[in-house]
Protein backbone atom coordinates (compact mmCIF):
# COMPACT_ATOMS: atom_id res chain seq x y z
CA UNK A 1 39.35 138.91 -46.35
CA UNK A 2 38.88 138.39 -42.25
CA UNK A 3 41.64 136.83 -40.52
CA UNK A 4 42.28 135.52 -37.16
CA UNK A 5 45.16 136.56 -34.82
CA UNK A 6 45.79 133.32 -32.64
CA UNK A 7 48.74 132.96 -30.55
CA UNK A 8 49.69 132.19 -26.83
CA UNK A 9 47.44 133.79 -23.34
CA UNK A 10 47.06 130.30 -20.78
CA UNK A 11 49.67 131.52 -18.88
CA UNK A 12 51.26 134.99 -19.72
CA UNK A 13 50.32 137.69 -18.25
CA UNK A 14 47.13 139.12 -19.48
CA UNK A 15 47.68 142.88 -20.09
CA UNK A 16 51.06 142.38 -21.64
CA UNK A 17 48.78 139.40 -23.85
CA UNK A 18 46.34 141.93 -25.19
CA UNK A 19 48.92 144.84 -25.32
CA UNK A 20 50.92 142.02 -28.02
CA UNK A 21 47.97 141.32 -29.60
CA UNK A 22 46.93 144.82 -30.74
CA UNK A 23 50.46 145.87 -31.44
CA UNK A 24 50.68 142.91 -34.11
CA UNK A 25 46.98 143.39 -35.29
CA UNK A 26 48.12 147.47 -35.82
CA UNK A 27 50.58 146.29 -37.76
CA UNK A 28 48.60 144.06 -39.65
CA UNK A 29 45.82 147.74 -40.47
CA UNK A 30 48.41 148.90 -41.54
CA UNK A 31 49.99 146.14 -44.21
CA UNK A 32 46.58 145.39 -45.05
CA UNK A 33 43.98 148.07 -44.52
CA UNK A 34 41.55 145.88 -46.59
CA UNK A 35 41.92 143.14 -44.04
CA UNK A 36 39.47 142.73 -40.69
CA UNK A 37 41.41 141.18 -38.20
CA UNK A 38 40.02 138.74 -35.05
CA UNK A 39 41.73 139.58 -32.53
CA UNK A 40 40.13 136.81 -29.65
CA UNK A 41 40.59 139.46 -26.95
CA UNK A 42 37.83 140.82 -28.35
CA UNK A 43 35.62 138.12 -28.79
CA UNK A 44 36.43 137.06 -25.67
CA UNK A 45 34.84 140.65 -24.62
CA UNK A 46 31.25 139.58 -26.31
CA UNK A 47 31.38 136.02 -24.88
CA UNK A 48 32.49 137.76 -21.26
CA UNK A 49 29.09 140.40 -21.55
CA UNK A 50 26.58 137.39 -23.32
CA UNK A 51 27.04 135.33 -20.14
CA UNK A 52 26.45 138.73 -17.87
CA UNK A 53 23.41 139.03 -19.19
CA UNK A 54 22.63 135.01 -19.08
CA UNK A 55 22.88 134.25 -16.18
CA UNK A 56 22.82 137.90 -14.22
CA UNK A 57 26.10 137.13 -12.17
CA UNK A 58 29.81 138.79 -12.86
CA UNK A 59 31.64 135.08 -13.33
CA UNK A 60 33.75 134.80 -15.85
CA UNK A 61 33.52 132.95 -18.90
CA UNK A 62 35.33 129.58 -18.90
CA UNK A 63 38.42 128.67 -20.66
CA UNK A 64 36.21 125.93 -22.93
CA UNK A 65 33.63 129.06 -23.11
CA UNK A 66 35.98 131.23 -24.79
CA UNK A 67 37.45 128.62 -26.78
CA UNK A 68 34.32 127.17 -28.01
CA UNK A 69 33.85 131.21 -29.17
CA UNK A 70 37.31 131.55 -31.02
CA UNK A 71 36.84 128.48 -33.06
CA UNK A 72 33.63 129.07 -33.85
CA UNK A 73 34.53 133.04 -34.61
CA UNK A 74 37.94 130.91 -36.45
CA UNK A 75 35.27 129.00 -38.66
CA UNK A 76 33.66 131.79 -40.28
CA UNK A 77 37.68 133.36 -40.88
CA UNK A 78 39.50 133.57 -45.09
CA UNK A 79 42.98 133.16 -43.24
CA UNK A 80 45.04 132.56 -39.95
CA UNK A 81 47.30 133.82 -38.71
CA UNK A 82 50.10 132.65 -36.13
CA UNK A 83 52.32 133.86 -33.44
CA UNK A 84 55.50 132.95 -31.90
CA UNK A 85 55.32 129.96 -29.88
CA UNK A 86 51.09 128.82 -31.02
CA UNK A 87 53.01 124.61 -30.99
CA UNK A 88 53.25 125.20 -27.71
CA UNK A 89 49.96 126.06 -27.23
CA UNK A 90 46.56 123.82 -26.24
CA UNK A 91 44.55 126.83 -27.83
CA UNK A 92 46.63 127.16 -30.67
CA UNK A 93 46.84 123.80 -31.64
CA UNK A 94 43.30 123.84 -31.46
CA UNK A 95 42.90 127.25 -34.32
CA UNK A 96 45.56 124.87 -35.95
CA UNK A 97 43.56 121.44 -35.93
CA UNK A 98 40.08 123.64 -37.18
CA UNK A 99 42.03 125.60 -40.30
CA UNK A 100 43.26 122.31 -41.72
CA UNK A 101 39.79 120.27 -41.27
CA UNK A 102 37.96 123.87 -42.78
CA UNK A 103 41.06 124.60 -45.54
CA UNK A 104 41.19 128.10 -43.79
CA UNK A 105 44.52 129.26 -45.33
CA UNK A 106 47.04 130.14 -42.36
CA UNK A 107 50.18 132.42 -42.09
CA UNK A 108 52.70 132.45 -39.06
CA UNK A 109 54.30 136.13 -38.09
CA UNK A 110 57.74 135.31 -38.18
CA UNK A 111 59.16 135.94 -34.50
CA UNK A 112 61.71 138.62 -36.18
CA UNK A 113 58.55 140.97 -37.00
CA UNK A 114 59.75 145.03 -35.33
CA UNK A 115 56.42 144.91 -32.82
């Protein structure tokens, strides 16, 4: 099972969001060790490296470049896990639309979950 983790990033402190995502991934790995969990921050690292190699600059990828890579990765998944706040995130809403279009299973993390 390949599962994509969807959560709001834009407008948040990136370090806090990275820690948040890492905690959720760790919890999911404990509960479902057979799952391959896709963290958007891991996708972003690859996108950033590829852009640096392609352009020979340190310019970070654009929001759209990040989103394109996230959506491409999500399209290869069996499941998407949406975290609290996804409804107010434009990126998460795009990910939800792709799930509906591609019939990717969707699950939601409850706000009460202990991370």
